[in-house]
Amino acid sequence: MKNKLLQFFATGAFISYLPTAILKNKKNTGAGLLGTFEGLLLYLFFMPAKTFLYLICLFLFLCFSVYVSQKVKFDSDIKDNPKIIIDEIVGFFVSMLFLPKDGFIILLAFILFRVFDTIKPAFIRKAESLGQNLPLALKEKYYIDGTAIVLDDVLAGICANLILQILFLLKVI
């Protein structure tokens, strides 16, 4: 029962199962795109506008995402299972940090986050292998695998956010 609840949160209320049900035997399932879209909707309807409250919610959701990503189990032993999309949700939240809730900025954040999450520049790709050589006991104790799963999306969100902040400061957007 506990694992089903973890799967519920990890998969964005089982939304990440949709693409694999529709697109059988595809390597790129599109679950990350759906996860980002779910993050956008959650951002619009549930994330507070006040910066301090946004930071608290973001921090709590980040911690929750690491915990869920570490503890959830699926049938396969893939470390960063494509069914886990809670990391895309938190990554999108990071991409919108300190930015106004403006439709054009939200669209740009969505696109930039997906670009960075998809192409994964070298420093983001390296974050995925965080603590790879550590003993299993340490990985479990310090949530290393969960952190690595979430960290690459947080870094993609930071990259998207930095670009948007620069464009916003230059009054381009």
Protein backbone atom coordinates (compact mmCIF):
# COMPACT_ATOMS: atom_id res chain seq x y z
CA MET A 1 0.00 0.00 0.00
CA LYS A 2 2.80 2.43 0.88
CA ASN A 3 4.52 1.82 -2.46
CA LYS A 4 1.28 2.48 -4.37
CA LEU A 5 1.00 5.85 -2.62
CA LEU A 6 4.64 6.62 -3.47
CA GLN A 7 3.97 5.60 -7.09
CA PHE A 8 0.93 7.89 -7.12
CA PHE A 9 3.08 10.90 -6.19
CA ALA A 10 6.15 9.87 -8.23
CA THR A 11 4.11 9.45 -11.40
CA GLY A 12 2.11 12.66 -11.00
CA ALA A 13 -1.11 10.83 -10.08
CA PHE A 14 -0.20 8.04 -12.57
CA ILE A 15 -0.09 10.50 -15.49
CA SER A 16 3.30 9.17 -16.59
CA TYR A 17 1.63 5.84 -17.42
CA LEU A 18 -0.43 7.46 -20.20
CA PRO A 19 2.26 7.74 -22.90
CA THR A 20 3.47 4.16 -22.46
CA ALA A 21 -0.11 2.92 -22.67
CA ILE A 22 -0.60 4.83 -25.93
CA LEU A 23 2.89 4.60 -27.49
CA LYS A 24 3.90 0.98 -26.99
CA ASN A 25 7.64 0.11 -27.30
CA LYS A 26 8.84 3.70 -27.68
CA LYS A 27 12.10 4.67 -26.00
CA ASN A 28 11.15 8.32 -25.46
CA THR A 29 7.76 8.06 -23.79
CA GLY A 30 6.94 11.75 -23.45
CA ALA A 31 6.28 11.31 -19.74
CA GLY A 32 8.71 14.17 -18.95
CA LEU A 33 6.73 16.50 -21.21
CA LEU A 34 3.52 15.51 -19.44
CA GLY A 35 5.22 15.96 -16.07
CA THR A 36 6.32 19.46 -17.01
CA PHE A 37 2.81 20.29 -18.21
CA GLU A 38 1.43 18.98 -14.92
CA GLY A 39 3.99 21.18 -13.13
CA LEU A 40 2.74 24.16 -15.13
CA LEU A 41 -0.87 23.47 -14.11
CA LEU A 42 0.06 22.95 -10.46
CA TYR A 43 2.07 26.17 -10.60
CA LEU A 44 -0.88 28.13 -12.00
CA PHE A 45 -3.47 26.81 -9.59
CA PHE A 46 -1.61 26.01 -6.37
CA MET A 47 1.72 27.81 -6.03
CA PRO A 48 1.44 31.02 -3.99
CA ALA A 49 2.22 34.38 -5.56
CA LYS A 50 4.08 35.73 -2.50
CA THR A 51 7.82 34.97 -2.80
CA PHE A 52 8.34 33.86 0.80
CA LEU A 53 5.44 31.38 0.64
CA TYR A 54 6.61 30.22 -2.80
CA LEU A 55 10.08 29.50 -1.39
CA ILE A 56 8.63 27.52 1.52
CA CYS A 57 6.37 25.49 -0.79
CA LEU A 58 9.22 24.91 -3.22
CA PHE A 59 11.57 23.75 -0.46
CA LEU A 60 8.97 21.38 1.01
CA PHE A 61 8.06 19.99 -2.41
CA LEU A 62 11.75 19.58 -3.26
CA CYS A 63 12.35 17.57 -0.08
CA PHE A 64 9.21 15.53 -0.71
CA SER A 65 10.33 14.86 -4.32
CA VAL A 66 13.73 13.59 -3.18
CA TYR A 67 12.08 11.33 -0.59
CA VAL A 68 9.54 9.93 -3.06
CA SER A 69 12.17 9.45 -5.80
CA GLN A 70 14.39 7.57 -3.35
CA LYS A 71 11.72 5.32 -1.85
CA VAL A 72 9.43 4.48 -4.78
CA LYS A 73 9.85 1.04 -6.34
CA PHE A 74 8.78 -0.11 -9.78
CA ASP A 75 8.99 -3.51 -11.45
CA SER A 76 12.26 -2.62 -13.17
CA ASP A 77 15.50 -1.70 -11.40
CA ILE A 78 16.11 1.45 -13.46
CA LYS A 79 17.45 4.13 -11.10
CA ASP A 80 15.85 7.15 -12.79
CA ASN A 81 12.73 5.41 -14.05
CA PRO A 82 10.98 7.44 -16.78
CA LYS A 83 7.71 6.92 -14.88
CA ILE A 84 9.03 9.24 -12.16
CA ILE A 85 7.89 12.73 -13.15
CA ILE A 86 7.72 14.44 -9.78
CA ASP A 87 11.22 15.73 -10.61
CA GLU A 88 9.91 17.50 -13.72
CA ILE A 89 7.24 19.16 -11.61
CA VAL A 90 9.75 20.53 -9.10
CA GLY A 91 12.09 21.51 -11.95
CA PHE A 92 9.36 23.62 -13.53
CA PHE A 93 8.65 25.24 -10.16
CA VAL A 94 12.34 26.20 -9.99
CA SER A 95 12.21 27.66 -13.49
CA MET A 96 9.44 30.05 -12.35
CA LEU A 97 11.11 31.17 -9.12
CA PHE A 98 11.12 35.00 -8.64
CA LEU A 99 9.24 35.52 -11.92
CA PRO A 100 5.78 37.00 -12.43
CA LYS A 101 2.80 34.80 -13.30
CA ASP A 102 2.65 36.02 -16.87
CA GLY A 103 1.42 33.77 -19.69
CA PHE A 104 4.33 34.53 -22.03
CA ILE A 105 6.94 34.03 -19.30
CA ILE A 106 5.29 30.76 -18.25
CA LEU A 107 5.38 29.55 -21.87
CA LEU A 108 9.05 30.52 -22.20
CA ALA A 109 9.84 28.80 -18.89
CA PHE A 110 8.10 25.65 -20.12
CA ILE A 111 10.05 25.63 -23.39
CA LEU A 112 13.42 26.49 -21.84
CA PHE A 113 13.00 23.93 -19.06
CA ARG A 114 12.13 21.20 -21.58
CA VAL A 115 15.13 22.15 -23.72
CA PHE A 116 17.58 21.96 -20.80
CA ASP A 117 15.96 18.83 -19.41
CA THR A 118 16.13 17.13 -22.80
CA ILE A 119 19.60 18.12 -24.03
CA LYS A 120 21.18 17.90 -20.55
CA PRO A 121 24.39 19.94 -20.80
CA ALA A 122 27.47 18.20 -19.35
CA PHE A 123 27.14 19.60 -15.81
CA ILE A 124 23.50 18.47 -15.64
CA ARG A 125 24.35 15.03 -17.00
CA LYS A 126 27.10 14.74 -14.37
CA ALA A 127 24.58 15.50 -11.60
CA GLU A 128 22.65 12.37 -12.59
CA SER A 129 25.58 10.22 -11.51
CA LEU A 130 25.83 11.85 -8.08
CA GLY A 131 27.19 9.39 -5.51
CA GLN A 132 27.17 6.51 -7.99
CA ASN A 133 30.17 4.82 -6.39
CA LEU A 134 28.99 5.14 -2.80
CA PRO A 135 27.99 2.05 -0.82
CA LEU A 136 24.29 1.23 -0.85
CA ALA A 137 23.92 1.89 2.89
CA LEU A 138 25.14 5.48 2.45
CA LYS A 139 22.93 6.00 -0.59
CA GLU A 140 19.89 4.92 1.40
CA LYS A 141 20.80 6.87 4.53
CA TYR A 142 21.44 10.16 2.73
CA TYR A 143 18.88 9.81 -0.09
CA ILE A 144 21.62 10.00 -2.73
CA ASP A 145 19.70 8.28 -5.53
CA GLY A 146 16.59 10.39 -4.91
CA THR A 147 18.72 13.53 -4.87
CA ALA A 148 20.39 12.58 -8.16
CA ILE A 149 16.99 11.93 -9.79
CA VAL A 150 15.68 15.34 -8.76
CA LEU A 151 18.93 17.33 -9.08
CA ASP A 152 19.21 17.20 -12.88
CA ASP A 153 15.72 18.68 -13.22
CA VAL A 154 16.42 21.33 -10.59
CA LEU A 155 19.56 22.32 -12.52
CA ALA A 156 17.56 22.47 -15.76
CA GLY A 157 15.06 24.70 -13.95
CA ILE A 158 17.88 26.94 -12.69
CA CYS A 159 19.25 27.30 -16.23
CA ALA A 160 15.82 28.20 -17.59
CA ASN A 161 15.26 30.61 -14.71
CA LEU A 162 18.60 32.36 -15.20
CA ILE A 163 17.88 32.98 -18.87
CA LEU A 164 14.41 34.29 -18.04
CA GLN A 165 15.77 36.52 -15.26
CA ILE A 166 18.29 38.03 -17.67
CA LEU A 167 15.62 38.59 -20.34
CA PHE A 168 13.33 40.10 -17.71
CA LEU A 169 16.04 42.42 -16.36
CA LEU A 170 16.93 43.53 -19.87
CA LYS A 171 13.23 44.21 -20.44
CA VAL A 172 13.15 41.85 -23.43
CA ILE A 173 10.15 40.10 -21.89
